[in-house]
Amino acid sequence: MPRMKAHRLVIIAAALTTLVAAALATALATVSGQGLPHAIRHDLSVASGTAVTISGSVNASQAAQYNRSAARADLRRAGRHAVRFYRQLV
């Protein structure tokens, strides 16, 4: 009987370890999914002199939609932040 008690104790310890690991993984996933983007957005909005580069492919019809008036509207929306638009069509 003493061997069975030790065996049960090991099984209980393994189950508790698995439960704690699952709870930590869930908490970490929640923080990285919700809190991290919010913190990054806050840091970027508060920091001065931060550069963000966004690049991607566009086709001719998408490029035609973006004209100088749209660029000026984007600059007005940026408010006090310095914004530069670079456009390259190949």
N, C-alpha and C. Protein backbone atom coordinates (compact mmCIF):
# COMPACT_ATOMS: atom_id res chain seq x y z
N MET A 1 0.78 -1.20 0.00
CA MET A 1 0.00 0.00 0.00
C MET A 1 0.84 1.29 0.00
N PRO A 2 1.98 1.35 0.64
CA PRO A 2 2.76 2.58 0.58
C PRO A 2 3.18 2.94 -0.82
N ARG A 3 3.42 1.93 -1.66
CA ARG A 3 3.81 2.22 -3.04
C ARG A 3 2.67 2.86 -3.80
N MET A 4 1.45 2.43 -3.56
CA MET A 4 0.29 3.01 -4.24
C MET A 4 0.09 4.47 -3.84
N LYS A 5 0.35 4.80 -2.57
CA LYS A 5 0.20 6.18 -2.13
C LYS A 5 1.22 7.08 -2.84
N ALA A 6 2.43 6.60 -2.99
CA ALA A 6 3.45 7.37 -3.68
C ALA A 6 3.09 7.53 -5.15
N HIS A 7 2.54 6.49 -5.74
CA HIS A 7 2.14 6.54 -7.15
C HIS A 7 1.03 7.57 -7.34
N ARG A 8 0.06 7.59 -6.44
CA ARG A 8 -1.02 8.57 -6.53
C ARG A 8 -0.49 9.99 -6.37
N LEU A 9 0.47 10.16 -5.48
CA LEU A 9 1.06 11.47 -5.26
C LEU A 9 1.76 11.97 -6.52
N VAL A 10 2.45 11.09 -7.22
CA VAL A 10 3.12 11.48 -8.47
C VAL A 10 2.09 11.86 -9.53
N ILE A 11 1.01 11.12 -9.62
CA ILE A 11 -0.03 11.43 -10.61
C ILE A 11 -0.69 12.77 -10.29
N ILE A 12 -0.96 13.02 -9.01
CA ILE A 12 -1.55 14.29 -8.61
C ILE A 12 -0.59 15.45 -8.90
N ALA A 13 0.69 15.27 -8.61
CA ALA A 13 1.68 16.32 -8.89
C ALA A 13 1.78 16.60 -10.39
N ALA A 14 1.74 15.56 -11.20
CA ALA A 14 1.80 15.74 -12.65
C ALA A 14 0.55 16.46 -13.16
N ALA A 15 -0.61 16.12 -12.61
CA ALA A 15 -1.85 16.78 -13.02
C ALA A 15 -1.84 18.26 -12.63
N LEU A 16 -1.37 18.56 -11.42
CA LEU A 16 -1.28 19.95 -11.00
C LEU A 16 -0.28 20.74 -11.84
N THR A 17 0.83 20.13 -12.17
CA THR A 17 1.82 20.78 -13.03
C THR A 17 1.23 21.09 -14.40
N THR A 18 0.50 20.17 -14.96
CA THR A 18 -0.14 20.37 -16.26
C THR A 18 -1.18 21.49 -16.16
N LEU A 19 -1.94 21.50 -15.07
CA LEU A 19 -2.96 22.53 -14.89
C LEU A 19 -2.34 23.92 -14.76
N VAL A 20 -1.27 24.03 -14.00
CA VAL A 20 -0.59 25.32 -13.85
C VAL A 20 0.02 25.77 -15.17
N ALA A 21 0.63 24.85 -15.90
CA ALA A 21 1.22 25.20 -17.20
C ALA A 21 0.14 25.67 -18.18
N ALA A 22 -1.01 25.03 -18.18
CA ALA A 22 -2.11 25.43 -19.06
C ALA A 22 -2.63 26.82 -18.67
N ALA A 23 -2.74 27.07 -17.38
CA ALA A 23 -3.21 28.38 -16.92
C ALA A 23 -2.21 29.48 -17.30
N LEU A 24 -0.92 29.22 -17.15
CA LEU A 24 0.09 30.20 -17.54
C LEU A 24 0.09 30.45 -19.05
N ALA A 25 -0.07 29.39 -19.82
CA ALA A 25 -0.11 29.55 -21.27
C ALA A 25 -1.32 30.37 -21.70
N THR A 26 -2.45 30.15 -21.06
CA THR A 26 -3.65 30.92 -21.36
C THR A 26 -3.46 32.39 -21.01
N ALA A 27 -2.88 32.65 -19.85
CA ALA A 27 -2.64 34.03 -19.43
C ALA A 27 -1.67 34.73 -20.38
N LEU A 28 -0.63 34.03 -20.78
CA LEU A 28 0.35 34.61 -21.69
C LEU A 28 -0.27 34.90 -23.06
N ALA A 29 -1.11 33.99 -23.54
CA ALA A 29 -1.78 34.21 -24.82
C ALA A 29 -2.72 35.40 -24.74
N THR A 30 -3.40 35.57 -23.62
CA THR A 30 -4.31 36.70 -23.45
C THR A 30 -3.55 38.02 -23.43
N VAL A 31 -2.44 38.05 -22.69
CA VAL A 31 -1.66 39.28 -22.61
C VAL A 31 -1.07 39.64 -23.97
N SER A 32 -0.52 38.66 -24.66
CA SER A 32 0.09 38.95 -25.96
C SER A 32 -0.96 39.29 -27.00
N GLY A 33 -2.15 38.75 -26.87
CA GLY A 33 -3.20 39.02 -27.85
C GLY A 33 -3.91 40.33 -27.64
N GLN A 34 -4.03 40.78 -26.40
CA GLN A 34 -4.79 42.00 -26.13
C GLN A 34 -3.91 43.12 -25.60
N GLY A 35 -3.12 42.84 -24.61
CA GLY A 35 -2.36 43.89 -23.95
C GLY A 35 -1.17 44.38 -24.74
N LEU A 36 -0.49 43.49 -25.42
CA LEU A 36 0.72 43.88 -26.14
C LEU A 36 0.44 44.86 -27.28
N PRO A 37 -0.55 44.63 -28.14
CA PRO A 37 -0.82 45.63 -29.18
C PRO A 37 -1.21 46.98 -28.60
N HIS A 38 -1.95 46.99 -27.51
CA HIS A 38 -2.33 48.25 -26.88
C HIS A 38 -1.09 48.98 -26.35
N ALA A 39 -0.19 48.25 -25.73
CA ALA A 39 1.03 48.86 -25.20
C ALA A 39 1.91 49.40 -26.33
N ILE A 40 2.01 48.67 -27.41
CA ILE A 40 2.82 49.13 -28.55
C ILE A 40 2.20 50.39 -29.15
N ARG A 41 0.88 50.40 -29.32
CA ARG A 41 0.20 51.57 -29.86
C ARG A 41 0.42 52.78 -28.95
N HIS A 42 0.35 52.57 -27.65
CA HIS A 42 0.57 53.67 -26.71
C HIS A 42 2.00 54.17 -26.80
N ASP A 43 2.97 53.27 -26.82
CA ASP A 43 4.38 53.67 -26.89
C ASP A 43 4.68 54.43 -28.17
N LEU A 44 4.11 54.00 -29.28
CA LEU A 44 4.35 54.69 -30.55
C LEU A 44 3.70 56.06 -30.58
N SER A 45 2.55 56.20 -29.93
CA SER A 45 1.88 57.50 -29.96
C SER A 45 2.55 58.51 -29.03
N VAL A 46 3.22 58.04 -27.98
CA VAL A 46 3.86 58.93 -27.02
C VAL A 46 5.29 59.26 -27.42
N ALA A 47 5.99 58.31 -28.01
CA ALA A 47 7.41 58.49 -28.34
C ALA A 47 7.58 59.51 -29.46
N SER A 48 8.61 60.33 -29.33
CA SER A 48 8.89 61.28 -30.39
C SER A 48 10.03 60.75 -31.25
N GLY A 49 10.00 61.07 -32.50
CA GLY A 49 11.06 60.65 -33.40
C GLY A 49 10.99 59.18 -33.78
N THR A 50 9.84 58.58 -33.67
CA THR A 50 9.69 57.16 -34.01
C THR A 50 9.31 57.05 -35.48
N ALA A 51 10.02 56.21 -36.20
CA ALA A 51 9.73 56.00 -37.62
C ALA A 51 9.05 54.65 -37.80
N VAL A 52 8.02 54.63 -38.59
CA VAL A 52 7.31 53.40 -38.92
C VAL A 52 7.27 53.30 -40.43
N THR A 53 7.72 52.20 -40.96
CA THR A 53 7.71 52.00 -42.40
C THR A 53 6.72 50.88 -42.73
N ILE A 54 5.82 51.17 -43.65
CA ILE A 54 4.85 50.18 -44.10
C ILE A 54 5.05 50.03 -45.60
N SER A 55 5.24 48.82 -46.03
CA SER A 55 5.43 48.60 -47.46
C SER A 55 4.56 47.43 -47.91
N GLY A 56 4.25 47.43 -49.17
CA GLY A 56 3.43 46.35 -49.71
C GLY A 56 3.24 46.53 -51.20
N SER A 57 2.68 45.54 -51.78
CA SER A 57 2.44 45.58 -53.23
C SER A 57 1.04 46.08 -53.52
N VAL A 58 0.93 46.89 -54.54
CA VAL A 58 -0.38 47.37 -55.00
C VAL A 58 -0.43 47.22 -56.51
N ASN A 59 -1.63 47.06 -57.01
CA ASN A 59 -1.77 47.00 -58.47
C ASN A 59 -2.12 48.39 -58.99
N ALA A 60 -2.27 48.53 -60.27
CA ALA A 60 -2.48 49.85 -60.89
C ALA A 60 -3.78 50.50 -60.44
N SER A 61 -4.84 49.73 -60.27
CA SER A 61 -6.11 50.34 -59.86
C SER A 61 -6.04 50.83 -58.42
N GLN A 62 -5.34 50.11 -57.56
CA GLN A 62 -5.17 50.57 -56.18
C GLN A 62 -4.32 51.82 -56.12
N ALA A 63 -3.28 51.86 -56.94
CA ALA A 63 -2.39 53.03 -56.97
C ALA A 63 -3.14 54.25 -57.52
N ALA A 64 -4.05 54.04 -58.45
CA ALA A 64 -4.80 55.14 -59.03
C ALA A 64 -5.76 55.76 -58.01
N GLN A 65 -6.23 54.97 -57.06
CA GLN A 65 -7.14 55.49 -56.03
C GLN A 65 -6.43 56.44 -55.08
N TYR A 66 -5.14 56.22 -54.90
CA TYR A 66 -4.39 57.06 -53.97
C TYR A 66 -3.75 58.20 -54.75
N ASN A 67 -4.26 59.39 -54.59
CA ASN A 67 -3.74 60.54 -55.32
C ASN A 67 -3.28 61.61 -54.34
N ARG A 68 -2.95 62.76 -54.85
CA ARG A 68 -2.42 63.82 -53.98
C ARG A 68 -3.44 64.30 -52.95
N SER A 69 -4.71 64.37 -53.32
CA SER A 69 -5.70 64.84 -52.34
C SER A 69 -5.85 63.84 -51.20
N ALA A 70 -5.74 62.55 -51.52
CA ALA A 70 -5.79 61.55 -50.46
C ALA A 70 -4.57 61.66 -49.55
N ALA A 71 -3.42 61.98 -50.12
CA ALA A 71 -2.21 62.15 -49.32
C ALA A 71 -2.35 63.36 -48.40
N ARG A 72 -2.92 64.45 -48.91
CA ARG A 72 -3.12 65.63 -48.07
C ARG A 72 -4.10 65.34 -46.94
N ALA A 73 -5.14 64.58 -47.23
CA ALA A 73 -6.12 64.22 -46.19
C ALA A 73 -5.45 63.36 -45.12
N ASP A 74 -4.58 62.45 -45.54
CA ASP A 74 -3.85 61.63 -44.56
C ASP A 74 -2.95 62.49 -43.69
N LEU A 75 -2.31 63.50 -44.29
CA LEU A 75 -1.46 64.40 -43.52
C LEU A 75 -2.27 65.22 -42.52
N ARG A 76 -3.47 65.66 -42.93
CA ARG A 76 -4.32 66.41 -42.00
C ARG A 76 -4.75 65.52 -40.84
N ARG A 77 -5.07 64.27 -41.12
CA ARG A 77 -5.48 63.35 -40.07
C ARG A 77 -4.34 63.05 -39.10
N ALA A 78 -3.11 63.14 -39.57
CA ALA A 78 -1.97 62.85 -38.72
C ALA A 78 -1.79 63.92 -37.65
N GLY A 79 -2.35 65.10 -37.87
CA GLY A 79 -2.31 66.15 -36.87
C GLY A 79 -0.90 66.69 -36.68
N ARG A 80 -0.44 66.67 -35.46
CA ARG A 80 0.85 67.27 -35.12
C ARG A 80 2.02 66.35 -35.45
N HIS A 81 1.75 65.15 -35.87
CA HIS A 81 2.82 64.19 -36.15
C HIS A 81 3.40 64.45 -37.54
N ALA A 82 4.71 64.36 -37.62
CA ALA A 82 5.37 64.53 -38.92
C ALA A 82 5.20 63.25 -39.72
N VAL A 83 4.67 63.40 -40.91
CA VAL A 83 4.41 62.24 -41.75
C VAL A 83 4.99 62.50 -43.13
N ARG A 84 5.64 61.52 -43.68
CA ARG A 84 6.13 61.60 -45.05
C ARG A 84 5.61 60.39 -45.82
N PHE A 85 5.17 60.64 -47.03
CA PHE A 85 4.71 59.56 -47.89
C PHE A 85 5.69 59.39 -49.03
N TYR A 86 6.14 58.18 -49.21
CA TYR A 86 6.99 57.85 -50.34
C TYR A 86 6.19 56.92 -51.24
N ARG A 87 6.22 57.21 -52.51
CA ARG A 87 5.43 56.40 -53.44
C ARG A 87 6.32 56.00 -54.60
N GLN A 88 6.29 54.74 -54.89
CA GLN A 88 7.10 54.26 -56.01
C GLN A 88 6.25 53.30 -56.83
N LEU A 89 6.19 53.57 -58.09
CA LEU A 89 5.47 52.69 -59.01
C LEU A 89 6.48 52.12 -59.99
N VAL A 90 6.42 50.85 -60.14
CA VAL A 90 7.37 50.18 -61.05
C VAL A 90 6.63 49.72 -62.28
